[in-house]
Protein backbone atom coordinates (compact mmCIF):
# COMPACT_ATOMS: atom_id res chain seq x y z
CA MET A 1 -190.15 -75.70 -27.80
CA ASN A 2 -191.40 -74.62 -24.38
CA ARG A 3 -191.25 -77.54 -21.94
CA SER A 4 -194.53 -76.59 -20.31
CA LEU A 5 -196.18 -76.68 -23.72
CA VAL A 6 -194.71 -80.10 -24.41
CA ALA A 7 -195.96 -81.36 -21.03
CA THR A 8 -199.43 -79.95 -21.69
CA VAL A 9 -199.59 -81.55 -25.11
CA GLY A 10 -198.43 -84.86 -23.61
CA VAL A 11 -201.10 -84.79 -20.91
CA CYS A 12 -203.80 -83.94 -23.45
CA ALA A 13 -202.63 -86.76 -25.70
CA ALA A 14 -202.70 -89.23 -22.80
CA VAL A 15 -206.23 -88.16 -21.83
CA LEU A 16 -207.43 -88.48 -25.43
CA ALA A 17 -205.77 -91.90 -25.74
CA ALA A 18 -207.47 -93.11 -22.55
CA TRP A 19 -210.80 -91.78 -23.80
CA ALA A 20 -210.35 -93.54 -27.14
CA LEU A 21 -209.44 -96.82 -25.41
CA SER A 22 -212.55 -96.57 -23.24
CA VAL A 23 -214.91 -95.70 -26.10
CA ALA A 24 -213.44 -98.37 -28.41
CA GLN A 25 -213.30 -101.05 -25.70
CA SER A 26 -215.01 -103.61 -27.93
CA VAL A 27 -212.09 -103.27 -30.38
CA PHE A 28 -209.01 -102.75 -28.24
CA ALA A 29 -209.79 -105.03 -25.26
CA PRO A 30 -210.11 -108.22 -27.36
CA LEU A 31 -207.01 -107.20 -29.31
CA ALA A 32 -204.98 -106.75 -26.11
CA PHE A 33 -206.13 -110.15 -24.82
CA ALA A 34 -205.37 -111.77 -28.17
CA LEU A 35 -201.83 -110.37 -28.22
CA PHE A 36 -201.34 -111.61 -24.67
CA VAL A 37 -202.58 -115.11 -25.58
CA ILE A 38 -200.42 -115.18 -28.73
CA ALA A 39 -197.33 -114.25 -26.69
CA VAL A 40 -198.06 -117.09 -24.24
CA VAL A 41 -198.91 -119.88 -26.73
CA TRP A 42 -196.57 -119.02 -29.60
CA PRO A 43 -193.74 -121.35 -28.40
CA LEU A 44 -196.17 -124.29 -28.66
CA GLN A 45 -197.20 -123.24 -32.17
CA ARG A 46 -193.56 -122.80 -33.25
CA ARG A 47 -192.53 -126.18 -31.82
CA LEU A 48 -195.39 -128.01 -33.53
CA GLN A 49 -194.61 -126.35 -36.86
CA LEU A 50 -191.22 -128.06 -36.88
CA ASP A 51 -192.85 -131.47 -37.36
CA LEU A 52 -196.36 -130.70 -38.64
CA PRO A 53 -197.95 -128.54 -41.36
CA ARG A 54 -198.67 -125.02 -40.16
CA LEU A 55 -202.46 -125.40 -40.28
CA VAL A 56 -202.35 -128.67 -38.34
CA ALA A 57 -200.07 -127.10 -35.74
CA LEU A 58 -202.44 -124.13 -35.55
CA ALA A 59 -205.43 -126.41 -35.00
CA ILE A 60 -203.67 -128.24 -32.15
CA THR A 61 -202.53 -124.98 -30.55
CA MET A 62 -206.01 -123.46 -30.71
CA ALA A 63 -207.56 -126.67 -29.35
CA VAL A 64 -205.18 -126.71 -26.38
CA THR A 65 -205.72 -122.99 -25.72
CA THR A 66 -209.49 -123.34 -25.92
CA LEU A 67 -209.43 -126.37 -23.62
CA VAL A 68 -207.43 -124.48 -20.98
CA ILE A 69 -209.71 -121.43 -21.09
CA VAL A 70 -212.91 -123.50 -21.05
CA GLY A 71 -211.55 -125.62 -18.21
CA PHE A 72 -210.68 -122.53 -16.18
CA LEU A 73 -214.10 -120.94 -16.73
CA SER A 74 -215.87 -124.23 -15.99
CA LEU A 75 -213.99 -124.58 -12.70
CA VAL A 76 -214.95 -121.04 -11.67
CA ALA A 77 -218.57 -121.62 -12.70
CA TRP A 78 -218.65 -124.87 -10.69
CA ALA A 79 -217.41 -123.11 -7.54
CA ALA A 80 -219.79 -120.17 -7.94
CA ASN A 81 -222.72 -122.50 -8.58
CA ARG A 82 -221.92 -124.59 -5.51
CA VAL A 83 -221.73 -121.51 -3.31
CA GLY A 84 -225.00 -120.17 -4.74
CA ARG A 85 -226.80 -123.48 -4.21
CA PHE A 86 -225.52 -123.68 -0.63
CA ILE A 87 -226.82 -120.17 0.09
CA VAL A 88 -230.24 -121.08 -1.34
CA SER A 89 -230.42 -124.30 0.68
CA ASP A 90 -229.43 -122.38 3.84
CA ALA A 91 -231.87 -119.54 3.21
CA ALA A 92 -233.87 -120.12 6.42
CA HIS A 93 -230.77 -119.86 8.60
CA LEU A 94 -229.58 -116.76 6.75
CA GLN A 95 -233.02 -115.17 7.10
CA ALA A 96 -232.99 -115.74 10.85
CA LEU A 97 -229.47 -114.30 11.09
CA TYR A 98 -230.55 -111.27 9.06
CA ALA A 99 -233.54 -110.73 11.34
CA SER A 100 -231.40 -110.81 14.48
CA PHE A 101 -228.89 -108.45 12.86
CA ALA A 102 -231.71 -106.05 11.87
CA VAL A 103 -233.03 -106.06 15.45
CA TRP A 104 -229.54 -105.30 16.79
CA LEU A 105 -229.17 -102.38 14.36
CA GLU A 106 -232.59 -100.99 15.23
CA GLU A 107 -231.66 -101.07 18.90
CA HIS A 108 -228.71 -98.88 18.00
CA GLY A 109 -230.75 -96.43 15.93
CA VAL A 110 -230.25 -97.88 12.41
CA ALA A 111 -233.42 -98.84 10.53
CA LEU A 112 -232.12 -101.55 8.23
CA ALA A 113 -235.52 -102.15 6.64
CA GLU A 114 -235.73 -98.55 5.45
CA LEU A 115 -232.23 -98.70 4.03
CA TRP A 116 -233.02 -101.97 2.26
CA THR A 117 -236.23 -100.55 0.81
CA GLY A 118 -234.43 -97.45 -0.38
CA TYR A 119 -231.67 -99.31 -2.22
CA PHE A 120 -233.41 -102.51 -3.30
CA SER A 121 -236.70 -102.89 -5.13
CA ALA A 122 -238.34 -105.22 -7.64
CA ASP A 123 -237.50 -102.86 -10.49
CA ARG A 124 -233.86 -102.74 -9.51
CA LEU A 125 -233.76 -106.51 -9.20
CA ILE A 126 -235.19 -106.90 -12.71
CA ARG A 127 -232.67 -104.40 -14.08
CA PHE A 128 -229.87 -106.27 -12.33
CA VAL A 129 -230.92 -109.57 -13.92
CA GLN A 130 -231.15 -107.90 -17.32
CA GLN A 131 -227.71 -106.35 -16.91
CA LEU A 132 -226.27 -109.70 -15.83
CA ALA A 133 -227.71 -111.39 -18.92
CA ALA A 134 -226.31 -108.63 -21.13
CA GLN A 135 -222.87 -108.98 -19.52
CA LEU A 136 -222.88 -112.74 -20.10
CA GLN A 137 -223.75 -112.17 -23.75
CA THR A 138 -220.99 -109.57 -24.00
CA ALA A 139 -218.50 -111.98 -22.43
CA VAL A 140 -219.35 -114.68 -24.98
CA SER A 141 -218.95 -112.19 -27.84
CA PHE A 142 -215.67 -111.01 -26.31
CA LEU A 143 -214.28 -114.56 -26.22
CA ILE A 144 -215.33 -115.20 -29.82
CA VAL A 145 -213.56 -112.05 -31.03
CA VAL A 146 -210.44 -112.97 -29.04
CA PHE A 147 -210.52 -116.45 -30.56
CA ILE A 148 -210.61 -115.00 -34.08
CA TYR A 149 -207.80 -112.54 -33.34
CA VAL A 150 -205.61 -115.30 -31.90
CA LEU A 151 -206.34 -117.60 -34.84
CA LEU A 152 -205.35 -115.00 -37.40
CA GLY A 153 -202.47 -113.65 -35.31
CA LEU A 154 -200.76 -117.02 -34.95
CA LEU A 155 -200.82 -117.39 -38.73
CA GLU A 156 -199.04 -114.07 -39.19
CA VAL A 157 -196.36 -114.17 -36.47
CA GLY A 158 -193.78 -115.70 -38.80
CA ASP A 159 -194.46 -113.21 -41.59
CA ALA A 160 -194.34 -110.28 -39.16
CA TYR A 161 -190.99 -111.52 -37.86
CA LYS A 162 -189.53 -111.59 -41.38
CA ILE A 163 -190.82 -108.09 -42.15
CA LEU A 164 -189.35 -106.59 -38.97
CA ARG A 165 -186.05 -108.44 -39.39
CA ASN A 166 -185.62 -107.00 -42.89
CA TRP A 167 -186.78 -103.49 -41.92
CA ARG A 168 -184.65 -100.83 -43.57
CA ARG A 169 -186.33 -97.64 -42.37
CA GLY A 170 -184.75 -96.56 -39.13
CA ARG A 171 -184.68 -98.48 -35.82
CA LEU A 172 -188.41 -99.06 -35.61
CA GLY A 173 -188.14 -102.62 -36.89
CA GLU A 174 -185.38 -103.47 -34.39
CA VAL A 175 -187.30 -101.89 -31.52
CA LEU A 176 -190.48 -103.80 -32.36
CA LEU A 177 -188.63 -107.07 -32.97
CA VAL A 178 -186.45 -107.05 -29.86
CA GLY A 179 -189.12 -105.45 -27.68
CA GLY A 180 -191.76 -107.89 -28.88
CA ALA A 181 -189.53 -110.92 -28.23
CA ARG A 182 -188.58 -109.75 -24.74
CA THR A 183 -192.16 -108.80 -23.93
CA ALA A 184 -193.41 -112.24 -24.98
CA SER A 185 -190.74 -113.92 -22.85
CA LYS A 186 -191.64 -111.80 -19.80
CA LEU A 187 -195.37 -112.38 -20.26
CA ARG A 188 -194.85 -116.15 -20.39
CA ARG A 189 -192.79 -115.99 -17.22
CA TYR A 190 -195.36 -113.73 -15.57
CA MET A 191 -198.18 -116.10 -16.46
CA LEU A 192 -196.24 -119.14 -15.27
CA VAL A 193 -195.41 -117.56 -11.91
CA ARG A 194 -198.93 -116.15 -11.52
CA THR A 195 -200.41 -119.60 -12.21
CA LEU A 196 -198.10 -121.33 -9.73
CA MET A 197 -198.83 -118.74 -7.05
CA SER A 198 -202.56 -118.97 -7.73
CA VAL A 199 -202.47 -122.76 -7.36
CA MET A 200 -200.51 -122.41 -4.12
CA THR A 201 -202.95 -119.78 -2.81
CA GLY A 202 -205.94 -121.95 -3.71
CA LEU A 203 -204.47 -124.99 -1.96
CA LEU A 204 -203.62 -123.03 1.19
CA VAL A 205 -207.08 -121.43 1.33
CA TRP A 206 -208.70 -124.84 0.85
CA ALA A 207 -206.54 -126.38 3.60
CA PHE A 208 -207.28 -123.56 6.05
CA ALA A 209 -211.02 -123.56 5.32
CA TRP A 210 -211.12 -127.34 5.80
CA LEU A 211 -209.19 -127.19 9.08
CA ALA A 212 -211.37 -124.31 10.31
CA GLY A 213 -214.52 -126.29 9.57
CA LEU A 214 -215.80 -123.76 7.03
CA PRO A 215 -218.22 -125.38 4.57
CA LEU A 216 -217.36 -125.36 0.85
CA ALA A 217 -213.60 -125.45 1.53
CA ALA A 218 -212.78 -126.70 -1.98
CA GLU A 219 -214.99 -124.04 -3.54
CA TRP A 220 -213.28 -121.24 -1.60
CA GLY A 221 -209.94 -122.62 -2.75
CA VAL A 222 -211.04 -122.55 -6.38
CA ILE A 223 -212.36 -118.99 -6.04
CA ALA A 224 -209.09 -117.88 -4.42
CA PHE A 225 -207.15 -119.57 -7.23
CA ALA A 226 -209.17 -117.80 -9.94
CA LEU A 227 -209.23 -114.35 -8.34
CA ASN A 228 -205.51 -114.41 -7.62
CA PHE A 229 -204.90 -113.71 -11.33
CA ILE A 230 -206.16 -110.15 -10.66
CA PRO A 231 -203.60 -108.41 -8.42
CA PHE A 232 -204.83 -106.59 -5.28
CA ILE A 233 -208.54 -106.64 -6.16
CA GLY A 234 -208.77 -110.41 -6.63
CA PRO A 235 -207.12 -111.43 -3.33
CA PHE A 236 -209.21 -108.83 -1.45
CA ILE A 237 -212.47 -110.27 -2.82
CA ALA A 238 -211.25 -113.83 -2.23
CA THR A 239 -210.66 -112.88 1.41
CA MET A 240 -213.92 -111.04 2.01
CA PHE A 241 -216.28 -113.73 0.64
CA PRO A 242 -215.23 -116.51 3.08
CA THR A 243 -215.11 -113.98 5.93
CA VAL A 244 -218.72 -112.91 5.37
CA PHE A 245 -219.65 -116.56 4.97
CA ALA A 246 -217.92 -117.36 8.28
CA VAL A 247 -220.02 -114.72 10.05
CA ALA A 248 -223.19 -116.46 8.85
CA GLN A 249 -222.01 -119.98 9.56
CA PHE A 250 -220.27 -119.62 12.92
CA GLU A 251 -222.40 -116.68 14.16
CA SER A 252 -219.27 -115.39 15.85
CA TRP A 253 -217.41 -112.20 15.07
CA GLN A 254 -214.34 -113.62 16.77
CA MET A 255 -214.24 -116.61 14.42
CA ALA A 256 -214.85 -114.34 11.45
CA LEU A 257 -211.86 -112.21 12.49
CA VAL A 258 -209.72 -115.35 12.75
CA VAL A 259 -210.77 -116.40 9.24
CA PHE A 260 -210.12 -112.89 7.90
CA ALA A 261 -206.69 -112.66 9.54
CA CYS A 262 -205.52 -116.12 8.43
CA LEU A 263 -206.68 -115.61 4.85
CA ASN A 264 -204.84 -112.29 4.71
CA ILE A 265 -201.70 -113.95 6.08
CA ILE A 266 -201.92 -116.53 3.28
CA GLN A 267 -202.35 -113.80 0.65
CA PHE A 268 -199.48 -111.76 2.13
CA VAL A 269 -197.02 -114.65 2.35
CA VAL A 270 -197.72 -115.86 -1.18
CA GLY A 271 -198.10 -112.47 -2.85
CA SER A 272 -195.49 -110.41 -1.00
CA TYR A 273 -192.88 -113.00 0.00
CA LEU A 274 -192.91 -116.03 -2.29
CA GLU A 275 -193.97 -114.47 -5.59
CA PRO A 276 -191.19 -111.82 -5.75
CA ARG A 277 -188.60 -114.56 -5.23
CA PHE A 278 -190.01 -116.61 -8.11
CA VAL A 279 -190.34 -113.59 -10.39
CA GLY A 280 -186.91 -112.12 -9.79
CA SER A 281 -185.71 -108.74 -11.04
CA ALA A 282 -186.77 -109.31 -14.67
CA LEU A 283 -190.41 -108.64 -13.83
CA SER A 284 -189.86 -106.28 -10.91
CA ILE A 285 -192.41 -103.46 -11.13
CA SER A 286 -193.21 -100.66 -8.75
CA PRO A 287 -196.11 -101.77 -6.48
CA PHE A 288 -197.63 -98.33 -6.98
CA LEU A 289 -197.60 -98.86 -10.74
CA VAL A 290 -199.15 -102.32 -10.38
CA LEU A 291 -201.96 -100.95 -8.23
CA PHE A 292 -202.50 -98.03 -10.59
CA ALA A 293 -202.53 -100.34 -13.62
CA VAL A 294 -205.15 -102.64 -12.07
CA PHE A 295 -207.52 -99.81 -11.14
CA PHE A 296 -206.87 -97.76 -14.30
CA TRP A 297 -207.53 -100.59 -16.74
CA ALA A 298 -210.43 -101.85 -14.61
CA PHE A 299 -211.89 -98.35 -14.91
CA LEU A 300 -211.47 -98.42 -18.70
CA TRP A 301 -212.42 -102.03 -19.48
CA GLY A 302 -213.94 -103.53 -16.33
CA ILE A 303 -212.93 -107.03 -15.22
CA PRO A 304 -210.97 -107.78 -18.44
CA GLY A 305 -208.98 -104.61 -17.83
CA ALA A 306 -208.15 -105.61 -14.26
CA PHE A 307 -206.77 -108.91 -15.55
CA ILE A 308 -204.78 -107.51 -18.48
CA GLY A 309 -203.57 -104.31 -16.79
CA VAL A 310 -200.28 -105.67 -15.40
CA PRO A 311 -199.30 -107.45 -18.66
CA ILE A 312 -199.88 -104.16 -20.50
CA VAL A 313 -197.54 -102.40 -18.05
CA ILE A 314 -194.92 -105.14 -18.51
CA ALA A 315 -195.13 -104.68 -22.28
CA GLY A 316 -194.92 -100.90 -22.02
CA LEU A 317 -191.86 -100.94 -19.75
CA THR A 318 -190.12 -103.52 -21.92
CA PHE A 319 -190.55 -101.42 -25.04
CA CYS A 320 -189.38 -98.35 -23.13
CA GLU A 321 -186.12 -100.22 -22.43
CA GLN A 322 -185.46 -100.37 -26.20
CA VAL A 323 -185.84 -96.62 -26.80
CA PRO A 324 -183.03 -94.47 -25.31
CA SER A 325 -185.25 -91.42 -24.89
CA ALA A 326 -187.84 -93.46 -22.94
CA ARG A 327 -185.49 -95.70 -20.96
CA TRP A 328 -185.88 -93.47 -17.91
CA VAL A 329 -189.47 -94.71 -17.61
CA ALA A 330 -188.27 -98.32 -17.27
CA ASP A 331 -185.57 -97.22 -14.81
CA LEU A 332 -188.12 -95.34 -12.71
CA PHE A 333 -190.96 -97.88 -12.58
CA GLY A 334 -189.28 -101.19 -13.32
CA GLN A 335 -186.04 -103.11 -13.50
CA PRO A 336 -184.38 -103.12 -16.94
CA SER A 337 -183.02 -106.43 -18.12
CA ASP A 338 -179.27 -106.89 -17.82
CA SER A 339 -178.83 -107.36 -21.53
CA SER A 340 -180.43 -104.07 -22.52
């Protein structure tokens, strides 16, 4: 078959697959998250099943998983609420700063009031609130669907393992079994390292904000900890928020630049120096591919996609290692395991 035809068909198939994933986000996004959660918590479920009935072990595993997720979301909500309340309580100071900034812009030929009127209105504010409420409702529904998928998936992991182990129709069973086991192991390691690095980032941001005299130091640390789970985009947002806040609080561009530079140094040291040494070669992925994965899956699925994008890439490269015809993909964008 003509190679150009094969390439064209492959590109068309990829575009159609991306379109299907985007249209069916409500189906595939919770499924991807559920598989990720199952891969992370399955060792706990398997260990508990050695001493307890399967349903009791499942109940404990789901309770622990739910507690961790609820605790994480509650911590983020606490930090966001504290920052919001501080902004409301400091509204007079912010209004005065905005007025002085508007005067400075008008002196340089920029009518900030006209720009504000053009982009912000009561109707747009109402639509924004409505969209925010709809997104919160969607997030709750998303978590419920993920919970159900995880619950049912943990019950079927053992049966799926037996089916794949006894597969007699080609190498598909072996590929899925070995690839699934290695993917789960890599995802657990990825999540462990990402959590440790996020905790370290949060502590360093808190310490710097406290030493710099920036209000809400603990809250900025929590926000940096939470956003660090989203590569590239998360650290950038976690850096910009305190910088903008520093402009308002210190009323000094020099101090804001110091805050911006120091926060970026923290993100660089943790993300580009320490994290690769903890991860090692087993999870080594091309930085270009990581950046592409974050933006691509964020484009398809929004914030959930930005979070799950890198684990999807890890899974894809791991399965490519098991298929000789696709191993070049893992060699090009990642680091194959030594045992493959």
